[in-house]
Amino acid sequence: IMFNPLVDSFAKLSDSEIEDKIIELSRKFFMTHNPSVQQQISVILEMYKEEAKARRASAMVQRTKKNDDDGDSPLDNLINVS
């Protein structure tokens, strides 16, 4: 993945701010017809998408870990032993 030094740390941004930025950058990408500008926007857009994907994966791991700690498995309710 490419890196753009003009993008600040994602740690300061909330999940919704990341999603808003993805929408904004996507809109700007299609507004311009300059290939150089589109390339730069594409690099930054990909960085935001990867951050959003990593946060979703982390949240899923946390939910799974919490369910395992509680002893509740999503499959527990599906298995009926008589």
PDB file of N, CA and C in Angstrom:
ATOM      1  N   ILE A   1       0.841  -1.184   0.000  1.00  0.00           N
ATOM      2  CA  ILE A   1       0.000   0.000   0.000  1.00  0.00           C
ATOM      3  C   ILE A   1       0.884   1.244   0.000  1.00  0.00           C
ATOM      4  N   MET A   2       0.472   2.243  -0.702  1.00  0.00           N
ATOM      5  CA  MET A   2       1.258   3.470  -0.778  1.00  0.00           C
ATOM      6  C   MET A   2       0.998   4.331   0.458  1.00  0.00           C
ATOM      7  N   PHE A   3       1.842   5.296   0.641  1.00  0.00           N
ATOM      8  CA  PHE A   3       1.759   6.176   1.809  1.00  0.00           C
ATOM      9  C   PHE A   3       1.783   7.620   1.328  1.00  0.00           C
ATOM     10  N   ASN A   4       0.995   8.464   1.954  1.00  0.00           N
ATOM     11  CA  ASN A   4       0.984   9.880   1.634  1.00  0.00           C
ATOM     12  C   ASN A   4       1.333  10.660   2.898  1.00  0.00           C
ATOM     13  N   PRO A   5       2.416  11.442   2.886  1.00  0.00           N
ATOM     14  CA  PRO A   5       2.844  12.160   4.089  1.00  0.00           C
ATOM     15  C   PRO A   5       1.904  13.283   4.514  1.00  0.00           C
ATOM     16  N   LEU A   6       0.958  13.647   3.665  1.00  0.00           N
ATOM     17  CA  LEU A   6       0.032  14.723   4.010  1.00  0.00           C
ATOM     18  C   LEU A   6      -1.135  14.247   4.870  1.00  0.00           C
ATOM     19  N   VAL A   7      -1.257  12.943   5.035  1.00  0.00           N
ATOM     20  CA  VAL A   7      -2.340  12.384   5.844  1.00  0.00           C
ATOM     21  C   VAL A   7      -1.846  12.240   7.281  1.00  0.00           C
ATOM     22  N   ASP A   8      -2.590  12.852   8.198  1.00  0.00           N
ATOM     23  CA  ASP A   8      -2.243  12.766   9.617  1.00  0.00           C
ATOM     24  C   ASP A   8      -2.600  11.389  10.169  1.00  0.00           C
ATOM     25  N   SER A   9      -2.276  11.188  11.408  1.00  0.00           N
ATOM     26  CA  SER A   9      -2.564   9.926  12.080  1.00  0.00           C
ATOM     27  C   SER A   9      -4.070   9.681  12.127  1.00  0.00           C
ATOM     28  N   PHE A  10      -4.456   8.435  11.919  1.00  0.00           N
ATOM     29  CA  PHE A  10      -5.869   8.070  11.990  1.00  0.00           C
ATOM     30  C   PHE A  10      -6.347   7.923  13.429  1.00  0.00           C
ATOM     31  N   ALA A  11      -5.425   7.868  14.364  1.00  0.00           N
ATOM     32  CA  ALA A  11      -5.779   7.646  15.765  1.00  0.00           C
ATOM     33  C   ALA A  11      -6.686   8.747  16.305  1.00  0.00           C
ATOM     34  N   LYS A  12      -6.564   9.950  15.770  1.00  0.00           N
ATOM     35  CA  LYS A  12      -7.363  11.082  16.248  1.00  0.00           C
ATOM     36  C   LYS A  12      -8.797  11.045  15.725  1.00  0.00           C
ATOM     37  N   LEU A  13      -9.056  10.216  14.712  1.00  0.00           N
ATOM     38  CA  LEU A  13     -10.359  10.209  14.050  1.00  0.00           C
ATOM     39  C   LEU A  13     -11.252   9.087  14.565  1.00  0.00           C
ATOM     40  N   SER A  14     -12.532   9.382  14.650  1.00  0.00           N
ATOM     41  CA  SER A  14     -13.505   8.355  15.032  1.00  0.00           C
ATOM     42  C   SER A  14     -13.840   7.512  13.799  1.00  0.00           C
ATOM     43  N   ASP A  15     -14.515   6.411  14.018  1.00  0.00           N
ATOM     44  CA  ASP A  15     -14.915   5.549  12.908  1.00  0.00           C
ATOM     45  C   ASP A  15     -15.817   6.295  11.930  1.00  0.00           C
ATOM     46  N   SER A  16     -16.730   7.086  12.445  1.00  0.00           N
ATOM     47  CA  SER A  16     -17.645   7.824  11.560  1.00  0.00           C
ATOM     48  C   SER A  16     -16.898   8.899  10.770  1.00  0.00           C
ATOM     49  N   GLU A  17     -15.881   9.503  11.367  1.00  0.00           N
ATOM     50  CA  GLU A  17     -15.084  10.490  10.638  1.00  0.00           C
ATOM     51  C   GLU A  17     -14.301   9.825   9.503  1.00  0.00           C
ATOM     52  N   ILE A  18     -13.828   8.612   9.745  1.00  0.00           N
ATOM     53  CA  ILE A  18     -13.131   7.858   8.695  1.00  0.00           C
ATOM     54  C   ILE A  18     -14.095   7.585   7.542  1.00  0.00           C
ATOM     55  N   GLU A  19     -15.302   7.118   7.869  1.00  0.00           N
ATOM     56  CA  GLU A  19     -16.295   6.825   6.829  1.00  0.00           C
ATOM     57  C   GLU A  19     -16.691   8.087   6.069  1.00  0.00           C
ATOM     58  N   ASP A  20     -16.855   9.206   6.783  1.00  0.00           N
ATOM     59  CA  ASP A  20     -17.186  10.475   6.130  1.00  0.00           C
ATOM     60  C   ASP A  20     -16.082  10.901   5.167  1.00  0.00           C
ATOM     61  N   LYS A  21     -14.851  10.695   5.563  1.00  0.00           N
ATOM     62  CA  LYS A  21     -13.709  11.067   4.721  1.00  0.00           C
ATOM     63  C   LYS A  21     -13.669  10.197   3.467  1.00  0.00           C
ATOM     64  N   ILE A  22     -14.004   8.922   3.601  1.00  0.00           N
ATOM     65  CA  ILE A  22     -14.046   8.035   2.441  1.00  0.00           C
ATOM     66  C   ILE A  22     -15.087   8.521   1.436  1.00  0.00           C
ATOM     67  N   ILE A  23     -16.246   8.904   1.932  1.00  0.00           N
ATOM     68  CA  ILE A  23     -17.308   9.421   1.064  1.00  0.00           C
ATOM     69  C   ILE A  23     -16.867  10.709   0.390  1.00  0.00           C
ATOM     70  N   GLU A  24     -16.273  11.609   1.169  1.00  0.00           N
ATOM     71  CA  GLU A  24     -15.811  12.889   0.638  1.00  0.00           C
ATOM     72  C   GLU A  24     -14.741  12.692  -0.440  1.00  0.00           C
ATOM     73  N   LEU A  25     -13.771  11.838  -0.176  1.00  0.00           N
ATOM     74  CA  LEU A  25     -12.701  11.603  -1.144  1.00  0.00           C
ATOM     75  C   LEU A  25     -13.226  10.919  -2.404  1.00  0.00           C
ATOM     76  N   SER A  26     -14.177  10.018  -2.246  1.00  0.00           N
ATOM     77  CA  SER A  26     -14.771   9.361  -3.417  1.00  0.00           C
ATOM     78  C   SER A  26     -15.469  10.384  -4.302  1.00  0.00           C
ATOM     79  N   ARG A  27     -16.195  11.292  -3.679  1.00  0.00           N
ATOM     80  CA  ARG A  27     -16.885  12.343  -4.425  1.00  0.00           C
ATOM     81  C   ARG A  27     -15.873  13.217  -5.163  1.00  0.00           C
ATOM     82  N   LYS A  28     -14.814  13.613  -4.480  1.00  0.00           N
ATOM     83  CA  LYS A  28     -13.792  14.464  -5.096  1.00  0.00           C
ATOM     84  C   LYS A  28     -13.067  13.750  -6.230  1.00  0.00           C
ATOM     85  N   PHE A  29     -12.868  12.440  -6.081  1.00  0.00           N
ATOM     86  CA  PHE A  29     -12.207  11.658  -7.124  1.00  0.00           C
ATOM     87  C   PHE A  29     -12.976  11.767  -8.436  1.00  0.00           C
ATOM     88  N   PHE A  30     -14.300  11.628  -8.361  1.00  0.00           N
ATOM     89  CA  PHE A  30     -15.112  11.664  -9.571  1.00  0.00           C
ATOM     90  C   PHE A  30     -15.397  13.082 -10.060  1.00  0.00           C
ATOM     91  N   MET A  31     -15.161  14.078  -9.231  1.00  0.00           N
ATOM     92  CA  MET A  31     -15.368  15.466  -9.649  1.00  0.00           C
ATOM     93  C   MET A  31     -14.242  15.966 -10.547  1.00  0.00           C
ATOM     94  N   THR A  32     -13.055  15.448 -10.363  1.00  0.00           N
ATOM     95  CA  THR A  32     -11.919  15.915 -11.141  1.00  0.00           C
ATOM     96  C   THR A  32     -11.685  15.016 -12.346  1.00  0.00           C
ATOM     97  N   HIS A  33     -11.147  15.600 -13.387  1.00  0.00           N
ATOM     98  CA  HIS A  33     -10.816  14.834 -14.586  1.00  0.00           C
ATOM     99  C   HIS A  33      -9.311  14.828 -14.814  1.00  0.00           C
ATOM    100  N   ASN A  34      -8.581  15.320 -13.824  1.00  0.00           N
ATOM    101  CA  ASN A  34      -7.123  15.363 -13.901  1.00  0.00           C
ATOM    102  C   ASN A  34      -6.572  14.033 -13.376  1.00  0.00           C
ATOM    103  N   PRO A  35      -5.925  13.246 -14.232  1.00  0.00           N
ATOM    104  CA  PRO A  35      -5.418  11.934 -13.801  1.00  0.00           C
ATOM    105  C   PRO A  35      -4.411  12.012 -12.651  1.00  0.00           C
ATOM    106  N   SER A  36      -3.605  13.049 -12.600  1.00  0.00           N
ATOM    107  CA  SER A  36      -2.626  13.182 -11.517  1.00  0.00           C
ATOM    108  C   SER A  36      -3.324  13.406 -10.182  1.00  0.00           C
ATOM    109  N   VAL A  37      -4.335  14.232 -10.194  1.00  0.00           N
ATOM    110  CA  VAL A  37      -5.099  14.493  -8.971  1.00  0.00           C
ATOM    111  C   VAL A  37      -5.865  13.235  -8.566  1.00  0.00           C
ATOM    112  N   GLN A  38      -6.441  12.543  -9.543  1.00  0.00           N
ATOM    113  CA  GLN A  38      -7.155  11.303  -9.241  1.00  0.00           C
ATOM    114  C   GLN A  38      -6.215  10.275  -8.612  1.00  0.00           C
ATOM    115  N   GLN A  39      -4.982  10.209  -9.091  1.00  0.00           N
ATOM    116  CA  GLN A  39      -4.013   9.271  -8.531  1.00  0.00           C
ATOM    117  C   GLN A  39      -3.717   9.601  -7.066  1.00  0.00           C
ATOM    118  N   GLN A  40      -3.514  10.863  -6.760  1.00  0.00           N
ATOM    119  CA  GLN A  40      -3.241  11.266  -5.382  1.00  0.00           C
ATOM    120  C   GLN A  40      -4.436  10.994  -4.472  1.00  0.00           C
ATOM    121  N   ILE A  41      -5.630  11.310  -4.965  1.00  0.00           N
ATOM    122  CA  ILE A  41      -6.838  11.045  -4.178  1.00  0.00           C
ATOM    123  C   ILE A  41      -6.994   9.545  -3.974  1.00  0.00           C
ATOM    124  N   SER A  42      -6.703   8.772  -4.992  1.00  0.00           N
ATOM    125  CA  SER A  42      -6.817   7.317  -4.910  1.00  0.00           C
ATOM    126  C   SER A  42      -5.908   6.742  -3.831  1.00  0.00           C
ATOM    127  N   VAL A  43      -4.687   7.250  -3.742  1.00  0.00           N
ATOM    128  CA  VAL A  43      -3.744   6.775  -2.723  1.00  0.00           C
ATOM    129  C   VAL A  43      -4.284   7.074  -1.323  1.00  0.00           C
ATOM    130  N   ILE A  44      -4.745   8.300  -1.121  1.00  0.00           N
ATOM    131  CA  ILE A  44      -5.263   8.690   0.194  1.00  0.00           C
ATOM    132  C   ILE A  44      -6.547   7.926   0.509  1.00  0.00           C
ATOM    133  N   LEU A  45      -7.402   7.769  -0.487  1.00  0.00           N
ATOM    134  CA  LEU A  45      -8.651   7.032  -0.308  1.00  0.00           C
ATOM    135  C   LEU A  45      -8.374   5.596   0.112  1.00  0.00           C
ATOM    136  N   GLU A  46      -7.391   4.972  -0.507  1.00  0.00           N
ATOM    137  CA  GLU A  46      -7.029   3.601  -0.160  1.00  0.00           C
ATOM    138  C   GLU A  46      -6.519   3.523   1.275  1.00  0.00           C
ATOM    139  N   MET A  47      -5.786   4.526   1.716  1.00  0.00           N
ATOM    140  CA  MET A  47      -5.298   4.555   3.101  1.00  0.00           C
ATOM    141  C   MET A  47      -6.473   4.588   4.080  1.00  0.00           C
ATOM    142  N   TYR A  48      -7.470   5.422   3.785  1.00  0.00           N
ATOM    143  CA  TYR A  48      -8.638   5.513   4.657  1.00  0.00           C
ATOM    144  C   TYR A  48      -9.438   4.210   4.633  1.00  0.00           C
ATOM    145  N   LYS A  49      -9.579   3.605   3.459  1.00  0.00           N
ATOM    146  CA  LYS A  49     -10.322   2.344   3.366  1.00  0.00           C
ATOM    147  C   LYS A  49      -9.627   1.237   4.149  1.00  0.00           C
ATOM    148  N   GLU A  50      -8.318   1.182   4.073  1.00  0.00           N
ATOM    149  CA  GLU A  50      -7.568   0.175   4.827  1.00  0.00           C
ATOM    150  C   GLU A  50      -7.711   0.393   6.328  1.00  0.00           C
ATOM    151  N   GLU A  51      -7.704   1.654   6.753  1.00  0.00           N
ATOM    152  CA  GLU A  51      -7.894   1.955   8.180  1.00  0.00           C
ATOM    153  C   GLU A  51      -9.287   1.515   8.630  1.00  0.00           C
ATOM    154  N   ALA A  52     -10.305   1.808   7.827  1.00  0.00           N
ATOM    155  CA  ALA A  52     -11.671   1.406   8.173  1.00  0.00           C
ATOM    156  C   ALA A  52     -11.776  -0.112   8.250  1.00  0.00           C
ATOM    157  N   LYS A  53     -11.153  -0.804   7.308  1.00  0.00           N
ATOM    158  CA  LYS A  53     -11.172  -2.267   7.293  1.00  0.00           C
ATOM    159  C   LYS A  53     -10.470  -2.832   8.527  1.00  0.00           C
ATOM    160  N   ALA A  54      -9.349  -2.255   8.898  1.00  0.00           N
ATOM    161  CA  ALA A  54      -8.615  -2.713  10.077  1.00  0.00           C
ATOM    162  C   ALA A  54      -9.431  -2.483  11.351  1.00  0.00           C
ATOM    163  N   ARG A  55     -10.120  -1.364  11.425  1.00  0.00           N
ATOM    164  CA  ARG A  55     -10.943  -1.081  12.608  1.00  0.00           C
ATOM    165  C   ARG A  55     -12.118  -2.050  12.701  1.00  0.00           C
ATOM    166  N   ARG A  56     -12.744  -2.367  11.569  1.00  0.00           N
ATOM    167  CA  ARG A  56     -13.857  -3.327  11.584  1.00  0.00           C
ATOM    168  C   ARG A  56     -13.365  -4.706  12.013  1.00  0.00           C
ATOM    169  N   ALA A  57     -12.211  -5.107  11.510  1.00  0.00           N
ATOM    170  CA  ALA A  57     -11.647  -6.410  11.887  1.00  0.00           C
ATOM    171  C   ALA A  57     -11.325  -6.443  13.374  1.00  0.00           C
ATOM    172  N   SER A  58     -10.757  -5.359  13.884  1.00  0.00           N
ATOM    173  CA  SER A  58     -10.420  -5.287  15.303  1.00  0.00           C
ATOM    174  C   SER A  58     -11.681  -5.349  16.168  1.00  0.00           C
ATOM    175  N   ALA A  59     -12.722  -4.652  15.733  1.00  0.00           N
ATOM    176  CA  ALA A  59     -13.981  -4.668  16.479  1.00  0.00           C
ATOM    177  C   ALA A  59     -14.585  -6.068  16.485  1.00  0.00           C
ATOM    178  N   MET A  60     -14.471  -6.776  15.364  1.00  0.00           N
ATOM    179  CA  MET A  60     -15.007  -8.128  15.301  1.00  0.00           C
ATOM    180  C   MET A  60     -14.228  -9.058  16.223  1.00  0.00           C
ATOM    181  N   VAL A  61     -12.923  -8.910  16.272  1.00  0.00           N
ATOM    182  CA  VAL A  61     -12.098  -9.728  17.167  1.00  0.00           C
ATOM    183  C   VAL A  61     -12.471  -9.435  18.616  1.00  0.00           C
ATOM    184  N   GLN A  62     -12.682  -8.176  18.940  1.00  0.00           N
ATOM    185  CA  GLN A  62     -13.055  -7.811  20.306  1.00  0.00           C
ATOM    186  C   GLN A  62     -14.408  -8.413  20.686  1.00  0.00           C
ATOM    187  N   ARG A  63     -15.380  -8.376  19.755  1.00  0.00           N
ATOM    188  CA  ARG A  63     -16.704  -8.967  20.032  1.00  0.00           C
ATOM    189  C   ARG A  63     -16.588 -10.470  20.218  1.00  0.00           C
ATOM    190  N   THR A  64     -15.800 -11.111  19.372  1.00  0.00           N
ATOM    191  CA  THR A  64     -15.618 -12.553  19.478  1.00  0.00           C
ATOM    192  C   THR A  64     -14.943 -12.908  20.793  1.00  0.00           C
ATOM    193  N   LYS A  65     -13.930 -12.144  21.161  1.00  0.00           N
ATOM    194  CA  LYS A  65     -13.224 -12.384  22.416  1.00  0.00           C
ATOM    195  C   LYS A  65     -14.167 -12.194  23.597  1.00  0.00           C
ATOM    196  N   LYS A  66     -14.999 -11.159  23.545  1.00  0.00           N
ATOM    197  CA  LYS A  66     -15.955 -10.907  24.617  1.00  0.00           C
ATOM    198  C   LYS A  66     -16.950 -12.064  24.731  1.00  0.00           C
ATOM    199  N   ASN A  67     -17.436 -12.555  23.599  1.00  0.00           N
ATOM    200  CA  ASN A  67     -18.379 -13.692  23.621  1.00  0.00           C
ATOM    201  C   ASN A  67     -17.704 -14.934  24.175  1.00  0.00           C
ATOM    202  N   ASP A  68     -16.446 -15.163  23.814  1.00  0.00           N
ATOM    203  CA  ASP A  68     -15.719 -16.323  24.338  1.00  0.00           C
ATOM    204  C   ASP A  68     -15.510 -16.193  25.840  1.00  0.00           C
ATOM    205  N   ASP A  69     -15.216 -14.978  26.311  1.00  0.00           N
ATOM    206  CA  ASP A  69     -15.026 -14.751  27.741  1.00  0.00           C
ATOM    207  C   ASP A  69     -16.317 -14.944  28.518  1.00  0.00           C
ATOM    208  N   ASP A  70     -17.445 -14.598  27.903  1.00  0.00           N
ATOM    209  CA  ASP A  70     -18.745 -14.755  28.553  1.00  0.00           C
ATOM    210  C   ASP A  70     -19.227 -16.199  28.503  1.00  0.00           C
ATOM    211  N   GLY A  71     -18.571 -17.022  27.712  1.00  0.00           N
ATOM    212  CA  GLY A  71     -18.994 -18.402  27.576  1.00  0.00           C
ATOM    213  C   GLY A  71     -20.140 -18.567  26.603  1.00  0.00           C
ATOM    214  N   ASP A  72     -20.524 -17.501  25.936  1.00  0.00           N
ATOM    215  CA  ASP A  72     -21.614 -17.564  24.963  1.00  0.00           C
ATOM    216  C   ASP A  72     -21.032 -17.669  23.568  1.00  0.00           C
ATOM    217  N   SER A  73     -21.390 -18.707  22.891  1.00  0.00           N
ATOM    218  CA  SER A  73     -20.979 -18.870  21.506  1.00  0.00           C
ATOM    219  C   SER A  73     -22.208 -18.683  20.638  1.00  0.00           C
ATOM    220  N   PRO A  74     -22.067 -18.074  19.482  1.00  0.00           N
ATOM    221  CA  PRO A  74     -23.234 -17.927  18.605  1.00  0.00           C
ATOM    222  C   PRO A  74     -23.831 -19.272  18.213  1.00  0.00           C
ATOM    223  N   LEU A  75     -23.041 -20.329  18.297  1.00  0.00           N
ATOM    224  CA  LEU A  75     -23.538 -21.657  17.943  1.00  0.00           C
ATOM    225  C   LEU A  75     -24.266 -22.341  19.093  1.00  0.00           C
ATOM    226  N   ASP A  76     -24.104 -21.850  20.313  1.00  0.00           N
ATOM    227  CA  ASP A  76     -24.736 -22.481  21.474  1.00  0.00           C
ATOM    228  C   ASP A  76     -26.248 -22.592  21.314  1.00  0.00           C
ATOM    229  N   ASN A  77     -26.871 -21.568  20.750  1.00  0.00           N
ATOM    230  CA  ASN A  77     -28.318 -21.571  20.625  1.00  0.00           C
ATOM    231  C   ASN A  77     -28.786 -22.445  19.462  1.00  0.00           C
ATOM    232  N   LEU A  78     -27.883 -22.831  18.567  1.00  0.00           N
ATOM    233  CA  LEU A  78     -28.258 -23.637  17.435  1.00  0.00           C
ATOM    234  C   LEU A  78     -28.242 -25.131  17.737  1.00  0.00           C
ATOM    235  N   ILE A  79     -27.541 -25.518  18.773  1.00  0.00           N
ATOM    236  CA  ILE A  79     -27.396 -26.928  19.101  1.00  0.00           C
ATOM    237  C   ILE A  79     -28.393 -27.289  20.193  1.00  0.00           C
ATOM    238  N   ASN A  80     -29.288 -28.207  19.864  1.00  0.00           N
ATOM    239  CA  ASN A  80     -30.298 -28.625  20.830  1.00  0.00           C
ATOM    240  C   ASN A  80     -30.108 -30.112  21.076  1.00  0.00           C
ATOM    241  N   VAL A  81     -29.627 -30.461  22.233  1.00  0.00           N
ATOM    242  CA  VAL A  81     -29.410 -31.852  22.588  1.00  0.00           C
ATOM    243  C   VAL A  81     -30.559 -32.273  23.506  1.00  0.00           C
ATOM    244  N   SER A  82     -31.298 -33.297  23.094  1.00  0.00           N
ATOM    245  CA  SER A  82     -32.453 -33.756  23.885  1.00  0.00           C
ATOM    246  C   SER A  82     -32.138 -35.030  24.616  1.00  0.00           C
TER     247      SER A  82
END
